[in-house]
Amino acid sequence: MHSFDSYLKKHAGFPPFITEKPEDQLSCCVVIPCYREPELFKTLESLLSATSPSLPTEVIVVVNSPEGASADAAEINQQTIAQFQAWKREIPSGKISFHLVHVQELKKKWAGAGWARKIGMDEAIHRFNLAGNEKGIIVSLDADCRVSPNYFTAIEEAFQSCSKCQLFTIGFEHDLQELGLDASLREGITRYELYMRYYRHAMQLTGYPNAIYTVGSAFAVRAGAYVKQGGMNRKKAGEDFYFLHKVVQLGTFGEISEALVFPGIRTSDRVPFGTGPKLAQFLSGEDSMETTYSFRAFEELQPFFRKVNELYHLNQEQLAETIDGLPAPLRRFLMQSGATDMIRELQSNCSGDSIFARRFFHRFNAFWILKYLNFVHDEDYKPDLLLKAARQLLQVKGIESAASSDYSTLLHIFRNIDYPNHI
């Protein structure tokens, strides 16, 4: 029995689609969901133009559609399939092989980017299972992206240099200089990306150790970790957020900052939230994207998270006194969410400080932080202006920014912090 048979039997919703035998040394599978995607071949050409990986790699495109898809969507998908077949015949053979999977009539309840991504990633597990490679790498990309020339080599080097790493997020930047980009779209994506970077850095500031970017087109995970966490979910949106924050709890993870993904800049009506819908709301005037979570709300998490090494040794009375000394909004949320009972349970089930600290952040994780932020913003805090909050965060980091700094200037500063090799 192959190592991933149990997962495939229990969690894969489809039998394998690709009939060709994989290379014995298959090392990496890049998965690309594709629905009504006229830009797909720019993505494929970008991959083809990148420096070739040293080991066999497959690109798996999942052309998919929901039940009752429009005639227009069906036609675009059929054109994509025909163009892919013709394109594939013309490209030179090499370390990268390209495959297309076509799945139609996905149930409306789940049809979306999450399920399509799952279908492709499960297909990658089939491929690694046949190749006998438990340490294969699954890379997630989207059909409207470009990648930097060192995309494959940087991913290979990252996993080779850290054998314990189960996950790497990959650097990303929206191309604000894209030819023909509408000025309103440029302004909208600038604000949205600044919001994303502010949120991640603010989470880091709290002392939370697993703060990562959750971008569906910019991460890579070991096949074994993918299987261990039960695979990708079928959520219509936010599948990347839920999946990645589960995988980081498995252990060591990293960030590839040497290579970049350049996601497409466009509106979308297929998912209920995320970049595409946010841009649509911005263009319609429904959301100006001028505000974000209060910087103070993040700051007030610091004294709690920084006490994690002390909490293990506190008795019930001492724990109550510690919580009483925390800021009032946080204290109310801790009481409402049953935090004392969770901490007492962790104390009982952990044999030492380090195990307690690790499991503490499994409970008080990114999902818990988001609930806390929403709770305290209902009564205690008003949203901050994004420009103000971003400047406050930079000031705490010791980075000066002018009071007159606009969204673009602040975004550039955050990008330079994240990817100093791309300044």
Protein backbone atom coordinates (compact mmCIF):
# COMPACT_ATOMS: atom_id res chain seq x y z
CA MET A 1 0.00 0.00 0.00
CA HIS A 2 1.29 3.45 -0.91
CA SER A 3 1.69 6.03 1.83
CA PHE A 4 -1.17 8.30 0.73
CA ASP A 5 -3.72 5.59 -0.07
CA SER A 6 -5.63 6.13 3.17
CA TYR A 7 -5.98 9.87 2.58
CA LEU A 8 -7.06 9.43 -1.02
CA LYS A 9 -9.65 6.84 -0.10
CA LYS A 10 -11.13 8.99 2.65
CA HIS A 11 -10.76 12.56 1.37
CA ALA A 12 -10.32 12.66 -2.41
CA GLY A 13 -13.66 13.22 -4.09
CA PHE A 14 -12.52 12.00 -7.51
CA PRO A 15 -10.39 9.21 -8.93
CA PRO A 16 -7.15 10.30 -10.64
CA PHE A 17 -7.66 12.33 -13.82
CA ILE A 18 -4.16 12.18 -15.32
CA THR A 19 -3.38 8.88 -17.00
CA GLU A 20 0.32 9.37 -17.85
CA LYS A 21 2.77 7.84 -15.41
CA PRO A 22 4.66 10.49 -13.41
CA GLU A 23 8.44 10.75 -13.46
CA ASP A 24 10.02 8.58 -10.76
CA GLN A 25 11.67 11.64 -9.23
CA LEU A 26 8.60 13.88 -9.44
CA SER A 27 9.40 16.60 -6.91
CA CYS A 28 6.83 19.36 -7.30
CA CYS A 29 3.27 19.94 -8.53
CA VAL A 30 1.96 23.45 -9.20
CA VAL A 31 -1.84 23.57 -8.94
CA ILE A 32 -3.85 26.24 -10.81
CA PRO A 33 -7.67 26.50 -10.49
CA CYS A 34 -9.18 27.87 -13.69
CA TYR A 35 -12.73 29.14 -14.31
CA ARG A 36 -13.49 31.69 -17.03
CA GLU A 37 -9.78 32.51 -17.23
CA PRO A 38 -8.73 34.25 -20.45
CA GLU A 39 -5.39 35.18 -18.84
CA LEU A 40 -4.34 31.58 -18.13
CA PHE A 41 -1.73 31.41 -20.89
CA LYS A 42 0.09 34.48 -19.58
CA THR A 43 0.49 32.53 -16.35
CA LEU A 44 1.65 29.39 -18.15
CA GLU A 45 4.11 31.34 -20.28
CA SER A 46 5.45 33.02 -17.15
CA LEU A 47 6.09 29.59 -15.61
CA LEU A 48 7.68 28.37 -18.83
CA SER A 49 9.96 31.42 -18.92
CA ALA A 50 11.20 30.92 -15.37
CA THR A 51 14.49 29.13 -14.72
CA SER A 52 13.76 25.41 -14.89
CA PRO A 53 13.71 23.41 -11.66
CA SER A 54 16.41 20.79 -11.20
CA LEU A 55 13.90 17.97 -10.59
CA PRO A 56 10.77 16.92 -12.51
CA THR A 57 7.83 19.25 -11.93
CA GLU A 58 4.22 19.13 -13.06
CA VAL A 59 1.76 21.97 -13.56
CA ILE A 60 -1.86 20.86 -13.06
CA VAL A 61 -4.54 23.21 -14.39
CA VAL A 62 -8.04 22.49 -13.03
CA VAL A 63 -10.62 23.86 -15.47
CA ASN A 64 -13.86 23.74 -13.52
CA SER A 65 -17.44 25.03 -13.53
CA PRO A 66 -20.46 24.89 -11.21
CA GLU A 67 -23.88 23.48 -11.91
CA GLY A 68 -25.82 25.77 -14.19
CA ALA A 69 -22.79 27.73 -15.34
CA SER A 70 -23.60 30.38 -17.93
CA ALA A 71 -23.16 29.65 -21.62
CA ASP A 72 -20.48 32.35 -21.70
CA ALA A 73 -18.49 30.69 -18.92
CA ALA A 74 -18.82 27.28 -20.54
CA GLU A 75 -17.60 28.66 -23.86
CA ILE A 76 -14.56 30.31 -22.26
CA ASN A 77 -13.71 27.06 -20.51
CA GLN A 78 -13.99 25.08 -23.76
CA GLN A 79 -11.80 27.62 -25.54
CA THR A 80 -9.25 27.29 -22.74
CA ILE A 81 -9.18 23.50 -23.11
CA ALA A 82 -8.73 23.67 -26.88
CA GLN A 83 -6.04 26.35 -26.62
CA PHE A 84 -4.24 24.39 -23.90
CA GLN A 85 -4.06 21.28 -26.06
CA ALA A 86 -2.67 23.26 -29.00
CA TRP A 87 -0.26 25.21 -26.73
CA LYS A 88 1.04 22.05 -25.10
CA ARG A 89 1.89 20.51 -28.48
CA GLU A 90 4.08 23.52 -29.30
CA ILE A 91 6.11 23.89 -26.10
CA PRO A 92 9.51 22.20 -25.75
CA SER A 93 9.90 19.20 -23.46
CA GLY A 94 11.87 19.73 -20.27
CA LYS A 95 11.76 19.42 -16.51
CA ILE A 96 8.22 20.86 -16.44
CA SER A 97 5.22 18.95 -17.79
CA PHE A 98 1.77 20.50 -18.11
CA HIS A 99 -1.57 18.77 -17.50
CA LEU A 100 -5.18 19.90 -17.68
CA VAL A 101 -8.01 18.45 -15.59
CA HIS A 102 -11.60 19.28 -16.55
CA VAL A 103 -14.36 19.04 -13.93
CA GLN A 104 -17.90 20.18 -14.73
CA GLU A 105 -21.17 20.50 -12.85
CA LEU A 106 -19.66 20.95 -9.41
CA LYS A 107 -22.44 21.29 -6.84
CA LYS A 108 -23.31 24.94 -6.26
CA LYS A 109 -23.08 24.51 -2.49
CA TRP A 110 -19.29 24.13 -2.70
CA ALA A 111 -18.30 25.15 -6.24
CA GLY A 112 -15.60 27.78 -6.15
CA ALA A 113 -11.87 28.38 -5.91
CA GLY A 114 -11.51 26.29 -2.75
CA TRP A 115 -12.95 23.11 -4.22
CA ALA A 116 -11.08 23.55 -7.49
CA ARG A 117 -7.85 24.03 -5.54
CA LYS A 118 -8.62 20.91 -3.52
CA ILE A 119 -9.27 18.85 -6.65
CA GLY A 120 -5.90 19.90 -8.07
CA MET A 121 -4.03 19.31 -4.83
CA ASP A 122 -5.61 15.89 -4.39
CA GLU A 123 -4.53 15.11 -7.95
CA ALA A 124 -1.00 16.10 -6.91
CA ILE A 125 -1.26 13.59 -4.05
CA HIS A 126 -2.26 10.92 -6.57
CA ARG A 127 0.83 11.83 -8.62
CA PHE A 128 3.22 11.73 -5.65
CA ASN A 129 1.64 8.48 -4.50
CA LEU A 130 2.38 6.88 -7.87
CA ALA A 131 5.89 8.32 -7.86
CA GLY A 132 6.49 7.09 -4.29
CA ASN A 133 7.50 10.52 -3.03
CA GLU A 134 6.11 11.39 0.42
CA LYS A 135 8.16 14.60 0.50
CA GLY A 136 6.82 16.08 -2.73
CA ILE A 137 5.93 19.76 -2.80
CA ILE A 138 2.50 21.12 -3.73
CA VAL A 139 2.56 24.73 -4.92
CA SER A 140 -0.61 26.82 -5.08
CA LEU A 141 -0.97 29.39 -7.84
CA ASP A 142 -3.85 31.17 -9.61
CA ALA A 143 -4.64 31.50 -13.30
CA ASP A 144 -4.11 35.27 -13.46
CA CYS A 145 -0.60 35.48 -12.04
CA ARG A 146 2.95 36.00 -13.23
CA VAL A 147 6.00 34.72 -11.37
CA SER A 148 9.57 35.95 -11.02
CA PRO A 149 12.28 34.14 -13.05
CA ASN A 150 13.65 32.38 -9.95
CA TYR A 151 10.24 31.03 -8.89
CA PHE A 152 11.02 27.30 -9.19
CA THR A 153 14.62 27.48 -8.04
CA ALA A 154 13.75 29.54 -4.95
CA ILE A 155 11.04 27.05 -3.93
CA GLU A 156 13.41 24.11 -4.40
CA GLU A 157 16.20 25.78 -2.45
CA ALA A 158 13.88 26.74 0.40
CA PHE A 159 12.65 23.20 1.01
CA GLN A 160 16.10 21.69 0.51
CA SER A 161 17.59 24.07 3.07
CA CYS A 162 14.94 23.30 5.70
CA SER A 163 14.05 19.62 5.84
CA LYS A 164 11.72 20.20 8.80
CA CYS A 165 9.72 22.95 7.11
CA GLN A 166 6.21 21.85 6.17
CA LEU A 167 5.11 25.11 4.58
CA PHE A 168 6.53 28.15 2.85
CA THR A 169 4.57 31.23 1.95
CA ILE A 170 5.90 32.95 -1.19
CA GLY A 171 6.44 36.67 -1.63
CA PHE A 172 3.74 38.51 -3.56
CA GLU A 173 3.25 41.97 -5.00
CA HIS A 174 0.46 43.32 -7.16
CA ASP A 175 1.98 44.96 -10.23
CA LEU A 176 0.97 48.59 -9.79
CA GLN A 177 2.77 49.52 -13.04
CA GLU A 178 0.84 47.02 -15.17
CA LEU A 179 0.23 48.45 -18.64
CA GLY A 180 -3.34 49.61 -19.12
CA LEU A 181 -4.24 49.24 -15.44
CA ASP A 182 -7.25 51.40 -14.61
CA ALA A 183 -6.35 54.17 -12.13
CA SER A 184 -9.23 53.27 -9.81
CA LEU A 185 -8.19 49.62 -9.78
CA ARG A 186 -4.61 50.69 -9.03
CA GLU A 187 -5.78 52.77 -6.08
CA GLY A 188 -8.04 49.99 -4.80
CA ILE A 189 -5.40 47.25 -4.92
CA THR A 190 -2.84 49.58 -3.31
CA ARG A 191 -5.14 50.10 -0.35
CA TYR A 192 -6.06 46.43 -0.11
CA GLU A 193 -2.46 45.19 -0.21
CA LEU A 194 -1.46 47.78 2.39
CA TYR A 195 -4.30 46.49 4.59
CA MET A 196 -3.01 42.91 4.19
CA ARG A 197 0.52 43.90 5.13
CA TYR A 198 -0.62 46.01 8.06
CA TYR A 199 -2.72 43.15 9.44
CA ARG A 200 0.10 40.60 9.21
CA HIS A 201 2.68 42.90 10.80
CA ALA A 202 0.23 43.92 13.54
CA MET A 203 -0.34 40.24 14.34
CA GLN A 204 3.42 39.77 14.61
CA LEU A 205 3.59 42.74 16.98
CA THR A 206 1.24 41.01 19.43
CA GLY A 207 3.76 38.22 19.90
CA TYR A 208 1.73 35.68 17.95
CA PRO A 209 4.42 33.41 16.40
CA ASN A 210 2.44 32.12 13.41
CA ALA A 211 1.55 35.36 11.64
CA ILE A 212 1.68 34.69 7.89
CA TYR A 213 0.25 36.00 4.65
CA THR A 214 -2.61 33.80 3.48
CA VAL A 215 -2.61 34.30 -0.28
CA GLY A 216 -3.99 31.39 -2.27
CA SER A 217 -1.63 32.02 -5.17
CA ALA A 218 1.51 32.21 -3.07
CA PHE A 219 2.32 29.20 -0.93
CA ALA A 220 3.92 25.77 -1.10
CA VAL A 221 3.32 22.81 1.23
CA ARG A 222 4.83 19.37 1.61
CA ALA A 223 2.53 16.58 0.46
CA GLY A 224 2.83 14.85 3.83
CA ALA A 225 1.69 17.97 5.69
CA TYR A 226 -1.18 18.44 3.25
CA VAL A 227 -2.34 14.89 3.93
CA LYS A 228 -1.82 15.14 7.69
CA GLN A 229 -4.14 18.15 7.90
CA GLY A 230 -6.85 16.42 5.88
CA GLY A 231 -6.21 18.29 2.66
CA MET A 232 -7.62 21.54 1.33
CA ASN A 233 -11.18 22.48 2.27
CA ARG A 234 -13.99 23.22 -0.16
CA LYS A 235 -14.82 26.70 1.08
CA LYS A 236 -16.01 29.11 -1.61
CA ALA A 237 -13.57 31.73 -0.32
CA GLY A 238 -11.01 31.97 2.42
CA GLU A 239 -9.89 28.40 1.82
CA ASP A 240 -6.29 29.60 1.87
CA PHE A 241 -6.72 31.34 5.26
CA TYR A 242 -8.24 28.28 6.93
CA PHE A 243 -5.84 25.79 5.37
CA LEU A 244 -2.62 27.72 5.96
CA HIS A 245 -3.40 28.55 9.58
CA LYS A 246 -4.00 24.85 10.19
CA VAL A 247 -0.75 23.79 8.54
CA VAL A 248 1.44 26.26 10.47
CA GLN A 249 0.43 24.45 13.63
CA LEU A 250 2.25 21.33 12.43
CA GLY A 251 5.62 22.92 13.12
CA THR A 252 8.36 24.75 11.31
CA PHE A 253 7.40 27.01 8.41
CA GLY A 254 9.12 29.75 6.46
CA GLU A 255 8.73 32.54 3.94
CA ILE A 256 10.32 32.69 0.51
CA SER A 257 11.15 36.34 -0.02
CA GLU A 258 13.64 35.88 -2.86
CA ALA A 259 10.96 34.96 -5.41
CA LEU A 260 7.70 36.78 -6.06
CA VAL A 261 4.24 36.04 -7.37
CA PHE A 262 2.42 38.89 -9.12
CA PRO A 263 -1.33 38.24 -8.68
CA GLY A 264 -3.80 39.62 -11.17
CA ILE A 265 -5.62 42.87 -10.40
CA ARG A 266 -9.31 42.54 -11.18
CA THR A 267 -12.79 42.33 -9.71
CA SER A 268 -14.51 39.00 -9.18
CA ASP A 269 -18.04 37.76 -8.60
CA ARG A 270 -17.24 34.10 -8.00
CA VAL A 271 -16.23 34.36 -4.35
CA PRO A 272 -18.10 36.16 -1.52
CA PHE A 273 -15.01 37.89 -0.10
CA GLY A 274 -11.34 38.41 -0.84
CA THR A 275 -9.40 40.57 -3.28
CA GLY A 276 -11.82 40.44 -6.23
CA PRO A 277 -14.99 41.31 -4.28
CA LYS A 278 -13.12 44.01 -2.31
CA LEU A 279 -12.04 45.67 -5.53
CA ALA A 280 -15.60 45.49 -6.87
CA GLN A 281 -16.87 47.17 -3.68
CA PHE A 282 -14.19 49.84 -3.99
CA LEU A 283 -15.09 50.63 -7.61
CA SER A 284 -18.80 50.82 -6.76
CA GLY A 285 -18.17 53.14 -3.80
CA GLU A 286 -19.51 50.59 -1.33
CA ASP A 287 -16.17 50.32 0.52
CA SER A 288 -13.48 52.98 0.34
CA MET A 289 -10.99 50.70 2.14
CA GLU A 290 -9.87 53.68 4.24
CA THR A 291 -10.18 51.96 7.63
CA THR A 292 -8.82 48.89 9.41
CA TYR A 293 -8.73 47.26 12.83
CA SER A 294 -7.56 49.62 15.56
CA PHE A 295 -3.83 49.49 16.18
CA ARG A 296 -4.51 49.75 19.90
CA ALA A 297 -6.52 46.50 19.79
CA PHE A 298 -3.43 44.67 18.55
CA GLU A 299 -1.17 46.40 21.08
CA GLU A 300 -3.38 45.33 23.96
CA LEU A 301 -2.90 41.67 23.07
CA GLN A 302 0.83 41.97 23.75
CA PRO A 303 0.74 41.68 27.56
CA PHE A 304 -1.34 38.49 27.31
CA PHE A 305 0.72 36.73 24.65
CA ARG A 306 4.00 37.78 26.24
CA LYS A 307 3.00 36.04 29.47
CA VAL A 308 2.70 32.64 27.79
CA ASN A 309 5.80 31.26 29.55
CA GLU A 310 4.46 32.41 32.92
CA LEU A 311 0.92 31.12 32.46
CA TYR A 312 1.97 27.49 32.66
CA HIS A 313 3.06 27.88 36.30
CA LEU A 314 0.10 29.89 37.63
CA ASN A 315 -2.51 28.39 39.93
CA GLN A 316 -6.16 29.29 39.52
CA GLU A 317 -6.00 32.33 41.82
CA GLN A 318 -2.83 33.66 40.19
CA LEU A 319 -4.32 33.13 36.75
CA ALA A 320 -7.40 35.12 37.73
CA GLU A 321 -5.20 37.94 39.05
CA THR A 322 -3.17 37.97 35.84
CA ILE A 323 -6.28 38.22 33.68
CA ASP A 324 -7.69 40.96 35.94
CA GLY A 325 -4.58 43.02 35.19
CA LEU A 326 -5.12 42.96 31.42
CA PRO A 327 -6.85 45.75 29.45
CA ALA A 328 -10.61 45.74 30.02
CA PRO A 329 -11.72 44.94 26.42
CA LEU A 330 -9.36 41.96 26.25
CA ARG A 331 -10.37 40.84 29.72
CA ARG A 332 -14.04 40.79 28.74
CA PHE A 333 -13.30 38.76 25.65
CA LEU A 334 -11.19 36.28 27.63
CA MET A 335 -14.07 35.77 30.03
CA GLN A 336 -16.63 35.48 27.25
CA SER A 337 -14.53 32.97 25.30
CA GLY A 338 -13.75 30.71 28.26
CA ALA A 339 -10.01 31.41 28.14
CA THR A 340 -9.38 30.52 31.80
CA ASP A 341 -10.77 27.02 31.32
CA MET A 342 -8.71 26.58 28.14
CA ILE A 343 -5.51 27.62 29.94
CA ARG A 344 -6.24 25.33 32.90
CA GLU A 345 -6.85 22.44 30.51
CA LEU A 346 -3.56 23.13 28.73
CA GLN A 347 -1.72 23.23 32.08
CA SER A 348 -3.12 19.81 32.95
CA ASN A 349 -2.18 18.24 29.62
CA CYS A 350 1.30 19.68 29.03
CA SER A 351 4.46 18.32 30.60
CA GLY A 352 6.57 21.48 30.29
CA ASP A 353 6.81 25.15 29.34
CA SER A 354 7.76 24.64 25.71
CA ILE A 355 4.94 22.18 25.00
CA PHE A 356 2.49 24.48 26.78
CA ALA A 357 3.62 27.49 24.73
CA ARG A 358 3.25 25.62 21.45
CA ARG A 359 -0.21 24.29 22.30
CA PHE A 360 -1.25 27.65 23.73
CA PHE A 361 -0.92 29.18 20.28
CA HIS A 362 -2.87 26.29 18.78
CA ARG A 363 -5.83 27.47 20.85
CA PHE A 364 -5.15 31.20 20.87
CA ASN A 365 -4.51 31.24 17.15
CA ALA A 366 -5.30 33.39 14.11
CA PHE A 367 -8.99 32.44 14.23
CA TRP A 368 -9.15 33.39 17.93
CA ILE A 369 -7.39 36.71 17.24
CA LEU A 370 -9.89 37.54 14.50
CA LYS A 371 -12.80 36.79 16.87
CA TYR A 372 -11.17 38.99 19.50
CA LEU A 373 -10.76 41.86 17.04
CA ASN A 374 -14.38 41.66 15.93
CA PHE A 375 -15.57 41.42 19.57
CA VAL A 376 -13.70 44.49 20.81
CA HIS A 377 -14.63 46.54 17.75
CA ASP A 378 -18.31 45.99 18.47
CA GLU A 379 -18.16 48.05 21.68
CA ASP A 380 -14.69 49.25 22.66
CA TYR A 381 -12.82 50.44 19.58
CA LYS A 382 -13.60 52.27 16.41
CA PRO A 383 -11.76 51.29 13.23
CA ASP A 384 -8.59 53.28 12.61
CA LEU A 385 -7.83 55.07 9.40
CA LEU A 386 -5.56 52.69 7.48
CA LEU A 387 -3.00 55.43 6.87
CA LYS A 388 -2.87 56.31 10.58
CA ALA A 389 -2.68 52.70 11.76
CA ALA A 390 0.06 51.80 9.26
CA ARG A 391 2.13 54.82 10.34
CA GLN A 392 1.67 53.89 14.02
CA LEU A 393 2.86 50.36 13.37
CA LEU A 394 5.91 51.57 11.45
CA GLN A 395 6.75 53.96 14.28
CA VAL A 396 6.72 51.11 16.79
CA LYS A 397 9.07 49.24 14.46
CA GLY A 398 11.38 52.25 14.51
CA ILE A 399 10.68 53.22 10.90
CA GLU A 400 9.88 56.85 10.22
CA SER A 401 7.16 57.81 7.78
CA ALA A 402 5.91 61.29 6.99
CA ALA A 403 2.48 62.33 8.23
CA SER A 404 1.68 63.11 4.60
CA SER A 405 2.59 59.61 3.36
CA ASP A 406 -0.04 58.22 1.01
CA TYR A 407 -1.15 54.61 0.52
CA SER A 408 1.41 53.93 -2.20
CA THR A 409 4.33 55.28 -0.17
CA LEU A 410 3.41 53.26 2.91
CA LEU A 411 2.88 50.12 0.84
CA HIS A 412 6.36 50.56 -0.63
CA ILE A 413 7.82 50.76 2.89
CA PHE A 414 6.07 47.56 3.98
CA ARG A 415 7.15 45.76 0.82
CA ASN A 416 10.75 46.73 1.51
CA ILE A 417 10.46 45.31 5.03
CA ASP A 418 9.05 42.04 3.73
CA TYR A 419 11.28 41.64 0.68
CA PRO A 420 14.52 43.57 1.22
CA ASN A 421 16.18 41.78 -1.70
CA HIS A 422 13.67 43.34 -4.08
CA ILE A 423 14.17 46.98 -3.10
